[in-house]
Amino acid sequence: MKNLILIRHAKSSWDAPLIDKDRPLSRRGINDAHLVSANVEEFLPDSYIVWSSTAQRAKNTAYIFAETLSIPQESIVFKDSLYTFDAKKLEAEIKTCDDQFDNLIVFGHNDAITTFVNTFGSQDVENVPTSGFVYLSFNVDSWQDIQQGKTEKLLFPRDFKKYDSPLTGKPIY
C-alpha cells in the first residue's frame, strides 16, 4: 500500500515585483497554512518522507507544516522538478519515489495537484485550494504502479474557518 498526501502551497503574495518562483506567502496564506496544519495530524501516517517544490511559497508552506507537526526541517527534500504546474510531470516525479517508503507528502502547485487528484483519486475536486490537503491511497507495492487510487481525505482551509456574517462572508481566524 502506498499513501500520498498532496498539499498545495499556501496563498502567495503578488505585492513585490519578483519572479514567480520567489513569491512569498501572503498574510492569508500564512494563516491558512497554520490553520490546516493544526488540523491534519490525525490523518498522517506514522512515518513518511516529505518533498517540496523549490518555489519560495511551497518551501514556506512546508516549513509551517513542519513546525506545527514537529517534522525536522532538515528532513524535507526540496526538488526543482516539483516546481511544475503539469500533472504528468508531477506523476513522473512521484513515481520516482523509492519503494522502501510507503508514505509520501508533497508540497506543490496547481494545476498539477488538482489534475493529479482528479486523475488518480476516487472523488472529483473542482479545485484544490491554496493550503489544501489531499490524502490518496493506492493498493500497490511500487510507486511506479500507482493508477486509480482512493481519496481518503480532503481538508481545505474553509473547513476550519468561522465566518463572522453570512453577509460579508469574511473569515475570522
Protein backbone atom coordinates (compact mmCIF):
# COMPACT_ATOMS: atom_id res chain seq x y z
CA MET A 1 0.00 0.00 0.00
CA LYS A 2 1.30 3.45 -0.98
CA ASN A 3 -0.11 6.62 0.54
CA LEU A 4 0.32 10.06 -0.95
CA ILE A 5 -0.51 13.38 0.65
CA LEU A 6 -0.56 16.36 -1.68
CA ILE A 7 -0.55 19.84 -0.18
CA ARG A 8 -0.95 22.85 -2.40
CA HIS A 9 1.24 25.75 -1.33
CA ALA A 10 -0.47 28.47 0.68
CA LYS A 11 -1.71 31.71 -0.90
CA SER A 12 1.17 33.76 -2.20
CA SER A 13 1.70 37.48 -2.34
CA TRP A 14 1.85 39.49 -5.55
CA ASP A 15 2.88 42.70 -3.75
CA ALA A 16 6.55 42.73 -4.74
CA PRO A 17 7.88 42.62 -8.31
CA LEU A 18 9.51 39.19 -8.04
CA ILE A 19 9.88 36.29 -10.43
CA ASP A 20 7.20 33.65 -9.90
CA LYS A 21 9.48 31.21 -8.09
CA ASP A 22 10.46 33.83 -5.48
CA ARG A 23 6.98 34.99 -4.43
CA PRO A 24 6.46 34.74 -0.64
CA LEU A 25 3.29 33.83 1.23
CA SER A 26 0.62 36.43 1.87
CA ARG A 27 -0.72 37.03 5.40
CA ARG A 28 -3.80 34.97 4.47
CA GLY A 29 -1.53 32.20 3.16
CA ILE A 30 0.41 32.07 6.40
CA ASN A 31 -2.81 31.96 8.43
CA ASP A 32 -4.36 29.26 6.23
CA ALA A 33 -1.21 27.09 6.35
CA HIS A 34 -1.22 27.27 10.14
CA LEU A 35 -4.95 26.53 10.24
CA VAL A 36 -4.77 23.43 8.04
CA SER A 37 -1.52 22.10 9.51
CA ALA A 38 -3.05 22.33 13.00
CA ASN A 39 -5.86 20.02 11.89
CA VAL A 40 -4.18 17.24 9.89
CA GLU A 41 -2.09 15.31 12.39
CA GLU A 42 -4.72 12.62 12.95
CA PHE A 43 -4.69 11.87 9.21
CA LEU A 44 -0.94 11.46 8.86
CA PRO A 45 0.65 8.01 8.70
CA ASP A 46 3.13 7.08 11.43
CA SER A 47 6.12 7.59 9.17
CA TYR A 48 6.61 9.43 5.89
CA ILE A 49 9.03 11.37 3.76
CA VAL A 50 8.44 14.96 2.72
CA TRP A 51 9.19 16.55 -0.64
CA SER A 52 8.63 20.15 -1.68
CA SER A 53 8.91 22.32 -4.73
CA THR A 54 11.78 24.79 -4.54
CA ALA A 55 9.43 27.75 -5.08
CA GLN A 56 9.53 30.08 -2.07
CA ARG A 57 5.79 29.78 -1.42
CA ALA A 58 5.93 25.95 -1.38
CA LYS A 59 9.04 25.94 0.83
CA ASN A 60 7.43 28.34 3.31
CA THR A 61 4.26 26.24 3.40
CA ALA A 62 6.34 23.12 4.04
CA TYR A 63 8.18 24.93 6.86
CA ILE A 64 4.88 25.94 8.51
CA PHE A 65 3.56 22.36 8.36
CA ALA A 66 6.91 21.05 9.63
CA GLU A 67 6.88 23.42 12.59
CA THR A 68 3.28 22.59 13.51
CA LEU A 69 3.74 18.82 13.09
CA SER A 70 7.25 18.58 14.61
CA ILE A 71 8.82 17.45 11.34
CA PRO A 72 12.55 18.23 11.30
CA GLN A 73 13.03 20.89 8.62
CA GLU A 74 16.28 19.30 7.51
CA SER A 75 14.34 16.15 6.55
CA ILE A 76 12.38 17.99 3.84
CA VAL A 77 13.72 17.21 0.37
CA PHE A 78 13.46 20.21 -1.96
CA LYS A 79 13.17 19.30 -5.64
CA ASP A 80 13.29 21.65 -8.62
CA SER A 81 11.31 19.03 -10.54
CA LEU A 82 8.30 19.69 -8.26
CA TYR A 83 8.17 23.30 -9.43
CA THR A 84 5.66 22.25 -12.05
CA PHE A 85 2.08 23.02 -12.97
CA ASP A 86 1.83 19.92 -15.17
CA ALA A 87 0.18 16.80 -13.70
CA LYS A 88 2.16 14.44 -15.95
CA LYS A 89 5.44 15.87 -14.64
CA LEU A 90 4.13 15.62 -11.06
CA GLU A 91 3.12 12.00 -11.70
CA ALA A 92 6.54 11.19 -13.15
CA GLU A 93 8.27 12.66 -10.10
CA ILE A 94 6.05 10.81 -7.62
CA LYS A 95 6.75 7.55 -9.46
CA THR A 96 10.48 8.06 -8.75
CA CYS A 97 9.89 7.65 -5.01
CA ASP A 98 11.89 4.76 -3.56
CA ASP A 99 9.60 1.83 -2.78
CA GLN A 100 11.10 1.49 0.69
CA PHE A 101 8.86 4.48 1.57
CA ASP A 102 5.15 3.74 1.78
CA ASN A 103 4.08 7.29 2.66
CA LEU A 104 4.98 10.46 0.77
CA ILE A 105 3.95 14.06 1.44
CA VAL A 106 4.41 16.53 -1.44
CA PHE A 107 4.11 20.33 -1.34
CA GLY A 108 3.43 21.60 -4.82
CA HIS A 109 1.40 23.67 -7.25
CA ASN A 110 -1.81 23.85 -9.23
CA ASP A 111 -2.95 22.89 -11.88
CA ALA A 112 -0.74 19.85 -11.34
CA ILE A 113 -2.25 18.94 -7.97
CA THR A 114 -5.93 19.29 -8.90
CA THR A 115 -5.44 17.42 -12.18
CA PHE A 116 -3.45 14.67 -10.42
CA VAL A 117 -6.14 14.31 -7.71
CA ASN A 118 -8.89 14.06 -10.32
CA THR A 119 -6.91 11.57 -12.39
CA PHE A 120 -5.79 9.29 -9.56
CA GLY A 121 -8.34 9.90 -6.80
CA SER A 122 -11.82 8.48 -6.35
CA GLN A 123 -13.51 11.83 -5.75
CA ASP A 124 -13.72 14.71 -8.21
CA VAL A 125 -12.49 18.01 -6.87
CA GLU A 126 -13.26 21.22 -8.74
CA ASN A 127 -10.13 22.88 -7.35
CA VAL A 128 -7.66 22.06 -4.60
CA PRO A 129 -7.37 25.49 -2.97
CA THR A 130 -4.21 27.01 -1.59
CA SER A 131 -3.22 25.18 1.63
CA GLY A 132 -5.46 22.29 0.52
CA PHE A 133 -4.60 18.81 1.88
CA VAL A 134 -5.47 15.68 -0.12
CA TYR A 135 -4.75 12.14 1.08
CA LEU A 136 -4.75 9.41 -1.58
CA SER A 137 -4.08 5.69 -1.10
CA PHE A 138 -3.02 3.18 -3.72
CA ASN A 139 -3.30 -0.59 -3.36
CA VAL A 140 0.13 -1.27 -4.91
CA ASP A 141 3.61 -2.13 -3.65
CA SER A 142 5.51 0.15 -6.01
CA TRP A 143 5.18 3.87 -6.69
CA GLN A 144 5.77 3.02 -10.36
CA ASP A 145 2.49 1.11 -10.37
CA ILE A 146 0.15 3.78 -8.99
CA GLN A 147 -3.03 4.08 -11.00
CA GLN A 148 -6.55 4.68 -9.79
CA GLY A 149 -6.44 5.17 -6.03
CA LYS A 150 -8.82 6.13 -3.27
CA THR A 151 -9.36 9.65 -1.98
CA GLU A 152 -9.10 9.13 1.78
CA LYS A 153 -9.36 12.72 2.99
CA LEU A 154 -9.83 16.25 1.69
CA LEU A 155 -9.12 19.13 4.07
CA PHE A 156 -9.33 22.72 2.90
CA PRO A 157 -8.94 26.00 4.82
CA ARG A 158 -12.66 26.74 4.51
CA ASP A 159 -13.38 23.59 6.54
CA PHE A 160 -11.86 25.25 9.61
CA LYS A 161 -12.84 28.91 9.29
CA LYS A 162 -15.62 30.54 11.21
CA TYR A 163 -17.39 33.28 9.34
CA ASP A 164 -18.44 36.49 11.05
CA SER A 165 -21.52 37.06 8.94
CA PRO A 166 -23.27 35.47 6.01
CA LEU A 167 -23.49 38.99 4.56
CA THR A 168 -19.76 39.68 4.42
CA GLY A 169 -18.57 36.08 4.16
CA LYS A 170 -15.25 37.17 5.62
CA PRO A 171 -13.46 34.58 7.75
CA ILE A 172 -12.45 35.10 11.33
CA TYR A 173 -9.16 33.43 12.12
